[in-house]
């Protein structure tokens, strides 16, 4: 599968003397390992792959010196392969399982920059906040790996030939031919069910596979639950699983602000705040924080006590909600609005945007506000073609943004300062 992240890896490889070791974050099953192995195979003479989770014995290689000049010969002997400066990609997978390997990145940066090294981990965010971990601050570059966005999903479909056309209409704000517009909306609805987990998407497009995409989604969710249990004590893991399970009901409400009472009776921030932090650090959920003003940097006006939570993949969200091809039309009301918000949240996050929403005294709310080119841009989300929005109009009237974005089932366009973006083109924002 073609991944947008590959372009970043190619850029990183070309940095030369300015290159530092790279740390690739991301939840389980987002395709980190596959991408790195493919990148090594396609852009290097050879690669050395270490997985500290599946082969714990590898940690012994780091038990003494982590000086790269001593580590490299050890790795060469262990793998019976030469490690060539600039010609070999060294991959430290599930690096959070070996603190000494993580610490060694500092010395690769300072003393052995000629070697190309990428560390990856599914629970990096969870482990490096532990007091037992020593993070090489300022000595590594970091990047987050998300599930496939709709653009990457589109490239795997029968409509892949129209990718450039979608980009052209997005840039020019000109309507797409109606028939093609409708076909792309239909594919978008398929994406809502399948999501962007690479294995689920691959099995969906290759119908000869033994497991269907729904079975893959169930396995991924089971894996997430296992991690919640494995990497925290029993009491905390129960709270974390309960918090995660509450996200779908939270999204089914008219007001999608996270409410602790929907986890359990008597739940409050002091009891469940740590669980939310765990889920965010693990990459299993996305947090969208309220801001109070549209004319100041979000960090200045954010209200950390008010937020929404979204799942990291709309396909997993649809699975937990019981959404399917047979009943998707039943959910055209409030709940479908929550599903679409989840889709836009993960799309914006995959493009590097911090997630914020705006609310004004509980009388008006804009789903997302993004910082683009130094400007705050409101993003309104609609699940269908009904685009009437008093809240967006209120925001525009109050803050006069450079322009606004409305994502809906309507075609491309630009009217009265509002850029209309079809749901299938949200990945271009």
Protein backbone atom coordinates (compact mmCIF):
# COMPACT_ATOMS: atom_id res chain seq x y z
CA UNK A 1 0.00 0.00 0.00
CA UNK A 2 1.19 3.48 -0.86
CA UNK A 3 1.64 5.51 2.32
CA UNK A 4 2.08 9.26 2.57
CA UNK A 5 4.64 8.68 5.34
CA UNK A 6 7.06 7.25 2.78
CA UNK A 7 7.55 10.74 1.34
CA UNK A 8 8.63 11.94 4.79
CA UNK A 9 11.05 9.03 5.18
CA UNK A 10 12.62 9.83 1.81
CA UNK A 11 13.01 13.46 2.89
CA UNK A 12 14.57 12.30 6.19
CA UNK A 13 17.02 10.06 4.35
CA UNK A 14 18.15 13.00 2.22
CA UNK A 15 19.04 15.24 5.16
CA UNK A 16 22.64 14.04 5.13
CA UNK A 17 24.72 15.45 7.98
CA UNK A 18 21.66 17.17 9.47
CA UNK A 19 19.91 13.84 9.94
CA UNK A 20 19.22 12.55 13.46
CA UNK A 21 17.77 9.16 14.41
CA UNK A 22 14.02 9.08 13.81
CA UNK A 23 11.38 7.87 16.28
CA UNK A 24 8.13 6.73 14.68
CA UNK A 25 5.19 6.74 17.09
CA UNK A 26 1.79 5.24 16.45
CA UNK A 27 -0.86 2.87 17.76
CA UNK A 28 -0.70 -0.83 17.01
CA UNK A 29 -1.65 -1.98 13.51
CA UNK A 30 -1.13 1.39 11.79
CA UNK A 31 1.52 -0.11 9.50
CA UNK A 32 4.79 1.10 11.01
CA UNK A 33 6.71 -2.17 10.72
CA UNK A 34 5.59 -2.92 7.17
CA UNK A 35 6.41 0.60 6.01
CA UNK A 36 9.89 0.59 7.54
CA UNK A 37 10.76 -2.82 6.09
CA UNK A 38 9.55 -1.73 2.65
CA UNK A 39 11.45 1.54 2.96
CA UNK A 40 14.62 -0.36 3.82
CA UNK A 41 14.16 -2.76 0.92
CA UNK A 42 13.46 -0.02 -1.63
CA UNK A 43 15.92 2.70 -0.60
CA UNK A 44 18.92 0.94 0.96
CA UNK A 45 21.37 -1.80 0.05
CA UNK A 46 20.23 -3.75 3.09
CA UNK A 47 18.48 -3.32 6.43
CA UNK A 48 18.92 -4.67 9.97
CA UNK A 49 15.67 -5.29 11.83
CA UNK A 50 15.46 -5.67 15.62
CA UNK A 51 12.15 -6.28 17.37
CA UNK A 52 12.58 -5.98 21.13
CA UNK A 53 9.09 -7.30 21.85
CA UNK A 54 9.21 -10.54 19.86
CA UNK A 55 12.90 -11.18 20.64
CA UNK A 56 13.67 -9.97 24.20
CA UNK A 57 17.16 -11.51 23.97
CA UNK A 58 18.18 -8.59 21.76
CA UNK A 59 18.31 -6.40 24.88
CA UNK A 60 21.46 -8.25 25.95
CA UNK A 61 23.32 -6.59 23.07
CA UNK A 62 22.77 -3.28 24.87
CA UNK A 63 23.45 -4.47 28.41
CA UNK A 64 27.04 -3.22 28.45
CA UNK A 65 28.22 -0.38 26.23
CA UNK A 66 25.79 1.57 24.06
CA UNK A 67 28.60 3.35 22.26
CA UNK A 68 27.68 3.01 18.54
CA UNK A 69 31.30 2.10 17.71
CA UNK A 70 30.90 -0.97 19.91
CA UNK A 71 27.25 -1.69 19.13
CA UNK A 72 27.66 -1.77 15.34
CA UNK A 73 30.17 -4.68 15.37
CA UNK A 74 27.89 -6.58 17.78
CA UNK A 75 24.91 -6.13 15.49
CA UNK A 76 26.95 -7.16 12.45
CA UNK A 77 27.99 -10.38 14.16
CA UNK A 78 24.50 -11.09 15.49
CA UNK A 79 22.86 -10.67 12.07
CA UNK A 80 25.84 -11.85 9.98
CA UNK A 81 25.49 -8.75 7.82
CA UNK A 82 27.51 -5.63 7.13
CA UNK A 83 26.11 -2.30 8.38
CA UNK A 84 27.09 0.35 5.87
CA UNK A 85 27.05 4.09 6.65
CA UNK A 86 24.27 5.52 4.49
CA UNK A 87 23.71 2.13 2.86
CA UNK A 88 22.03 0.20 5.68
CA UNK A 89 18.78 1.06 7.44
CA UNK A 90 18.84 0.05 11.11
CA UNK A 91 15.34 -0.51 12.54
CA UNK A 92 14.74 -0.72 16.29
CA UNK A 93 11.12 -1.90 16.45
CA UNK A 94 9.08 -1.81 19.68
CA UNK A 95 12.00 0.18 21.06
CA UNK A 96 10.06 1.03 24.22
CA UNK A 97 10.76 -2.53 25.40
CA UNK A 98 14.48 -1.77 25.73
CA UNK A 99 15.37 1.46 27.53
CA UNK A 100 19.06 1.04 26.74
CA UNK A 101 18.29 0.90 23.01
CA UNK A 102 16.23 4.08 23.31
CA UNK A 103 19.05 5.81 25.17
CA UNK A 104 21.55 4.70 22.52
CA UNK A 105 19.85 6.98 19.99
CA UNK A 106 21.48 9.93 21.76
CA UNK A 107 24.93 8.55 21.02
CA UNK A 108 24.08 7.63 17.44
CA UNK A 109 23.11 11.29 17.02
CA UNK A 110 26.25 12.68 18.68
CA UNK A 111 28.90 10.22 17.56
CA UNK A 112 27.62 8.20 14.59
CA UNK A 113 25.36 10.34 12.43
CA UNK A 114 26.56 8.52 9.33
CA UNK A 115 24.28 5.58 10.25
CA UNK A 116 20.59 5.69 9.32
CA UNK A 117 18.54 4.53 12.32
CA UNK A 118 14.78 4.53 12.91
CA UNK A 119 13.15 3.48 16.16
CA UNK A 120 9.46 2.59 16.22
CA UNK A 121 7.00 1.66 18.91
CA UNK A 122 3.30 1.04 19.42
CA UNK A 123 3.28 2.22 23.03
CA UNK A 124 6.18 4.64 22.96
CA UNK A 125 4.05 7.44 24.36
CA UNK A 126 3.05 5.30 27.33
CA UNK A 127 6.50 4.00 28.20
CA UNK A 128 8.64 7.12 27.78
CA UNK A 129 6.57 8.98 30.37
CA UNK A 130 7.65 6.39 32.92
CA UNK A 131 10.23 7.49 35.47
CA UNK A 132 12.34 4.48 34.46
CA UNK A 133 12.84 5.74 30.92
CA UNK A 134 15.54 8.08 29.69
CA UNK A 135 14.37 9.90 26.58
CA UNK A 136 17.05 11.36 24.25
CA UNK A 137 15.61 14.87 24.23
CA UNK A 138 16.90 16.98 21.34
CA UNK A 139 18.76 14.04 19.83
CA UNK A 140 15.98 12.48 17.76
CA UNK A 141 13.37 13.51 15.24
CA UNK A 142 9.82 12.31 15.90
CA UNK A 143 6.86 11.51 13.69
CA UNK A 144 3.44 9.97 14.31
CA UNK A 145 2.05 7.20 12.10
CA UNK A 146 -1.73 7.23 11.65
CA UNK A 147 -4.07 4.79 9.90
CA UNK A 148 -4.57 5.23 6.15
CA UNK A 149 -6.43 8.42 5.35
CA UNK A 150 -9.12 8.39 2.67
CA UNK A 151 -6.62 9.53 0.02
CA UNK A 152 -4.46 6.47 0.68
CA UNK A 153 -7.59 4.29 0.73
CA UNK A 154 -8.64 5.82 -2.61
CA UNK A 155 -5.30 4.83 -4.15
CA UNK A 156 -6.12 1.16 -3.45
CA UNK A 157 -9.57 1.35 -5.01
CA UNK A 158 -10.98 1.16 -8.53
CA UNK A 159 -11.20 4.98 -8.49
CA UNK A 160 -7.47 5.51 -7.98
CA UNK A 161 -7.15 7.11 -11.42
CA UNK A 162 -9.16 10.11 -10.19
CA UNK A 163 -6.85 11.12 -7.32
CA UNK A 164 -5.25 13.96 -9.29
CA UNK A 165 -8.68 15.16 -10.42
CA UNK A 166 -9.88 15.38 -6.81
CA UNK A 167 -6.80 17.41 -5.89
CA UNK A 168 -7.35 19.72 -8.86
CA UNK A 169 -10.98 20.44 -7.93
CA UNK A 170 -9.96 21.00 -4.32
CA UNK A 171 -7.39 23.60 -5.34
CA UNK A 172 -9.64 25.35 -7.86
CA UNK A 173 -12.89 25.10 -5.86
CA UNK A 174 -14.73 23.89 -8.95
CA UNK A 175 -17.52 21.28 -8.80
CA UNK A 176 -16.70 17.69 -9.68
CA UNK A 177 -18.77 16.00 -12.41
CA UNK A 178 -21.86 14.80 -10.55
CA UNK A 179 -21.57 11.13 -11.45
CA UNK A 180 -17.97 10.94 -10.24
CA UNK A 181 -18.86 12.97 -7.15
CA UNK A 182 -21.52 10.40 -6.27
CA UNK A 183 -19.12 7.47 -6.83
CA UNK A 184 -16.51 9.05 -4.56
CA UNK A 185 -19.14 9.65 -1.86
CA UNK A 186 -20.08 5.97 -2.11
CA UNK A 187 -16.43 4.98 -1.66
CA UNK A 188 -16.19 7.35 1.30
CA UNK A 189 -19.11 5.52 2.93
CA UNK A 190 -17.21 2.26 2.43
CA UNK A 191 -14.19 3.85 4.13
CA UNK A 192 -16.37 4.82 7.10
CA UNK A 193 -17.02 1.11 7.63
CA UNK A 194 -13.60 -0.29 6.74
CA UNK A 195 -11.43 2.46 8.18
CA UNK A 196 -7.72 2.94 7.65
CA UNK A 197 -6.06 0.12 9.56
CA UNK A 198 -3.82 -1.26 6.77
CA UNK A 199 -4.60 -4.93 7.32
CA UNK A 200 -8.36 -4.33 7.43
CA UNK A 201 -8.19 -2.21 4.27
CA UNK A 202 -5.98 -4.75 2.49
CA UNK A 203 -8.35 -7.60 3.30
CA UNK A 204 -11.28 -5.50 2.14
CA UNK A 205 -9.75 -4.90 -1.28
CA UNK A 206 -8.52 -8.50 -1.60
CA UNK A 207 -11.65 -10.57 -1.08
CA UNK A 208 -9.78 -13.85 -1.40
CA UNK A 209 -8.39 -13.46 2.13
CA UNK A 210 -9.54 -15.89 4.83
CA UNK A 211 -10.36 -13.13 7.32
CA UNK A 212 -12.79 -10.34 6.47
CA UNK A 213 -12.09 -6.75 7.46
CA UNK A 214 -14.62 -6.95 10.30
CA UNK A 215 -12.75 -9.89 11.82
CA UNK A 216 -9.51 -7.91 11.54
CA UNK A 217 -11.14 -4.98 13.35
CA UNK A 218 -12.28 -7.27 16.16
CA UNK A 219 -8.75 -8.65 16.54
CA UNK A 220 -7.28 -5.13 16.65
CA UNK A 221 -9.74 -4.06 19.34
CA UNK A 222 -8.92 -7.19 21.33
CA UNK A 223 -5.23 -6.30 21.04
CA UNK A 224 -5.91 -2.79 22.33
CA UNK A 225 -7.82 -4.21 25.31
CA UNK A 226 -4.95 -6.61 25.98
CA UNK A 227 -2.46 -3.72 26.03
CA UNK A 228 -4.66 -1.80 28.46
CA UNK A 229 -4.57 -4.80 30.77
CA UNK A 230 -0.91 -5.70 30.27
CA UNK A 231 0.64 -2.28 30.79
CA UNK A 232 -1.23 -1.02 33.85
CA UNK A 233 -2.41 -2.48 37.14
CA UNK A 234 -5.78 -4.21 37.38
CA UNK A 235 -7.68 -1.27 38.87
CA UNK A 236 -6.34 1.19 36.32
CA UNK A 237 -6.84 -1.15 33.37
CA UNK A 238 -10.54 -1.57 34.24
CA UNK A 239 -10.94 2.22 34.23
CA UNK A 240 -9.07 2.55 30.94
CA UNK A 241 -11.20 -0.08 29.20
CA UNK A 242 -14.39 1.53 30.57
CA UNK A 243 -13.25 4.94 29.34
CA UNK A 244 -12.48 3.56 25.88
CA UNK A 245 -15.83 1.77 25.70
CA UNK A 246 -17.65 5.03 26.51
CA UNK A 247 -16.39 6.86 23.42
CA UNK A 248 -19.07 5.56 21.03
CA UNK A 249 -21.94 6.54 23.38
CA UNK A 250 -20.25 9.94 23.88
CA UNK A 251 -20.31 10.49 20.10
CA UNK A 252 -23.97 9.49 19.89
CA UNK A 253 -25.01 12.53 21.95
CA UNK A 254 -26.10 15.88 20.51
CA UNK A 255 -23.42 17.51 22.65
CA UNK A 256 -20.29 15.43 22.09
CA UNK A 257 -18.27 17.02 24.88
CA UNK A 258 -16.79 14.23 26.99
CA UNK A 259 -18.86 13.52 30.08
CA UNK A 260 -17.40 11.37 32.85
CA UNK A 261 -20.86 10.29 34.00
CA UNK A 262 -21.18 8.28 30.80
CA UNK A 263 -18.35 6.00 31.94
CA UNK A 264 -20.06 5.06 35.17
CA UNK A 265 -22.12 6.57 37.96
CA UNK A 266 -19.97 8.84 40.09
CA UNK A 267 -17.09 8.93 37.61
CA UNK A 268 -15.00 12.10 37.66
CA UNK A 269 -11.71 13.49 36.36
CA UNK A 270 -9.75 12.57 39.47
CA UNK A 271 -10.63 8.91 38.94
CA UNK A 272 -10.48 8.61 35.16
CA UNK A 273 -8.10 11.36 34.05
CA UNK A 274 -5.14 8.98 34.10
CA UNK A 275 -7.01 6.55 31.86
CA UNK A 276 -7.66 9.26 29.29
CA UNK A 277 -3.99 10.23 29.35
CA UNK A 278 -3.00 6.59 28.82
CA UNK A 279 -5.31 6.22 25.81
CA UNK A 280 -4.01 9.44 24.24
CA UNK A 281 -0.36 8.48 24.78
CA UNK A 282 -1.01 5.02 23.36
CA UNK A 283 -2.47 6.60 20.22
CA UNK A 284 -5.78 4.76 20.69
CA UNK A 285 -7.79 7.97 20.98
CA UNK A 286 -7.58 11.56 19.78
CA UNK A 287 -8.31 14.45 22.12
CA UNK A 288 -9.94 17.65 20.85
CA UNK A 289 -9.80 20.56 23.33
CA UNK A 290 -12.18 23.50 23.59
CA UNK A 291 -10.94 27.01 22.84
CA UNK A 292 -12.76 30.16 23.88
CA UNK A 293 -11.57 32.57 21.20
CA UNK A 294 -11.03 32.50 17.45
CA UNK A 295 -8.59 35.40 17.26
CA UNK A 296 -5.83 34.22 19.62
CA UNK A 297 -3.46 31.23 19.57
CA UNK A 298 -5.32 28.12 20.81
CA UNK A 299 -2.75 27.45 23.52
CA UNK A 300 -3.71 30.77 25.13
CA UNK A 301 -7.49 30.29 25.20
CA UNK A 302 -7.89 26.52 25.54
CA UNK A 303 -10.08 25.14 28.30
CA UNK A 304 -8.43 21.86 29.27
CA UNK A 305 -11.45 20.82 31.33
CA UNK A 306 -13.66 20.68 28.23
CA UNK A 307 -12.79 18.24 25.44
CA UNK A 308 -14.02 15.54 23.08
CA UNK A 309 -12.51 12.13 22.51
CA UNK A 310 -12.45 10.30 19.19
CA UNK A 311 -11.20 6.85 18.28
CA UNK A 312 -8.03 6.74 16.19
CA UNK A 313 -9.81 4.97 13.33
CA UNK A 314 -13.33 5.50 12.04
CA UNK A 315 -13.57 1.84 11.00
CA UNK A 316 -12.98 0.70 14.58
CA UNK A 317 -15.52 3.27 15.72
CA UNK A 318 -18.09 1.94 13.24
CA UNK A 319 -17.40 -1.62 14.35
CA UNK A 320 -17.95 -0.80 18.03
CA UNK A 321 -21.14 1.06 17.11
CA UNK A 322 -22.51 -1.91 15.16
CA UNK A 323 -22.56 0.11 11.96
CA UNK A 324 -22.66 -1.98 8.78
CA UNK A 325 -23.46 -1.73 5.08
CA UNK A 326 -26.95 -3.04 5.85
CA UNK A 327 -27.89 -0.47 8.49
CA UNK A 328 -25.76 2.60 7.71
CA UNK A 329 -28.79 4.50 6.37
CA UNK A 330 -30.54 4.06 9.72
CA UNK A 331 -27.86 6.21 11.34
CA UNK A 332 -28.45 9.36 9.29
CA UNK A 333 -29.31 11.34 12.42
CA UNK A 334 -27.30 12.54 15.38
CA UNK A 335 -25.10 9.46 15.69
CA UNK A 336 -23.96 9.59 12.07
CA UNK A 337 -22.84 13.13 12.80
CA UNK A 338 -20.59 11.73 15.54
CA UNK A 339 -19.13 9.12 13.18
CA UNK A 340 -18.36 11.79 10.60
CA UNK A 341 -16.75 14.00 13.25
CA UNK A 342 -14.54 11.05 14.20
CA UNK A 343 -13.55 10.67 10.54
CA UNK A 344 -12.61 14.35 10.25
CA UNK A 345 -10.74 14.31 13.57
CA UNK A 346 -8.46 11.47 12.48
CA UNK A 347 -8.04 13.06 9.03
CA UNK A 348 -6.92 16.39 10.49
CA UNK A 349 -4.65 14.65 13.01
CA UNK A 350 -2.97 12.65 10.24
CA UNK A 351 -2.17 15.94 8.50
CA UNK A 352 -0.41 17.19 11.62
CA UNK A 353 -3.09 19.52 13.01
CA UNK A 354 -3.64 19.92 16.73
CA UNK A 355 -7.33 19.29 17.44
CA UNK A 356 -9.44 22.10 18.88
CA UNK A 357 -13.11 23.06 18.78
CA UNK A 358 -14.73 26.40 19.55
CA UNK A 359 -17.66 27.05 21.80
CA UNK A 360 -19.26 30.34 22.77
CA UNK A 361 -21.18 30.33 26.06
CA UNK A 362 -22.86 27.04 25.07
CA UNK A 363 -24.85 28.88 22.39
CA UNK A 364 -22.66 28.16 19.35
CA UNK A 365 -20.07 25.51 18.52
CA UNK A 366 -17.74 24.92 15.58
CA UNK A 367 -16.57 21.32 15.29
CA UNK A 368 -12.89 22.03 14.64
CA UNK A 369 -10.56 25.02 14.48
CA UNK A 370 -7.16 24.48 12.86
CA UNK A 371 -4.03 26.60 12.62
CA UNK A 372 -3.12 26.84 8.94
CA UNK A 373 -0.35 29.13 7.73
CA UNK A 374 -0.59 31.24 10.87
CA UNK A 375 -4.36 31.68 10.56
CA UNK A 376 -7.13 30.12 12.63
CA UNK A 377 -9.55 28.42 10.24
CA UNK A 378 -12.94 27.11 11.43
CA UNK A 379 -13.97 23.71 10.06
CA UNK A 380 -17.66 22.81 10.14
CA UNK A 381 -18.63 19.17 9.59
CA UNK A 382 -21.92 17.94 8.13
CA UNK A 383 -22.87 14.32 7.50
CA UNK A 384 -25.05 15.10 4.48
CA UNK A 385 -26.02 17.96 2.15
CA UNK A 386 -27.82 20.02 4.79
CA UNK A 387 -25.15 22.67 5.37
CA UNK A 388 -27.10 25.35 7.22
CA UNK A 389 -25.01 26.33 10.25
CA UNK A 390 -25.80 29.16 12.64
CA UNK A 391 -22.69 28.34 14.68
CA UNK A 392 -20.29 28.73 11.75
CA UNK A 393 -22.00 31.97 10.74
CA UNK A 394 -21.65 33.20 14.32
CA UNK A 395 -17.93 32.40 14.33
CA UNK A 396 -17.37 34.13 10.98
CA UNK A 397 -19.28 37.23 12.07
CA UNK A 398 -17.36 37.46 15.35
CA UNK A 399 -13.80 36.70 14.23
CA UNK A 400 -13.67 37.39 10.48
CA UNK A 401 -11.35 34.45 9.60
CA UNK A 402 -9.41 34.51 6.33
CA UNK A 403 -11.86 31.85 5.15
CA UNK A 404 -13.87 28.97 6.61
CA UNK A 405 -14.18 25.33 5.60
CA UNK A 406 -17.38 23.31 5.46
CA UNK A 407 -17.01 19.55 4.95
CA UNK A 408 -20.20 17.87 3.77
CA UNK A 409 -21.75 15.71 1.05
CA UNK A 410 -21.98 18.78 -1.20
CA UNK A 411 -19.68 19.36 -4.15
CA UNK A 412 -16.62 21.62 -4.25
CA UNK A 413 -17.17 25.35 -4.21
CA UNK A 414 -16.28 28.66 -2.56
CA UNK A 415 -19.11 31.03 -1.62
CA UNK A 416 -19.14 33.98 0.80
CA UNK A 417 -15.76 33.08 2.24
CA UNK A 418 -16.68 29.44 2.87
CA UNK A 419 -14.73 26.70 1.08
CA UNK A 420 -16.94 23.69 0.43
CA UNK A 421 -15.05 20.39 0.66
CA UNK A 422 -16.76 17.05 -0.07
CA UNK A 423 -16.36 14.42 2.61
CA UNK A 424 -14.12 12.35 0.35
CA UNK A 425 -11.65 15.25 -0.08
CA UNK A 426 -11.15 16.10 3.59
CA UNK A 427 -7.67 14.54 3.50
CA UNK A 428 -6.52 17.48 1.36
CA UNK A 429 -7.23 20.10 4.06
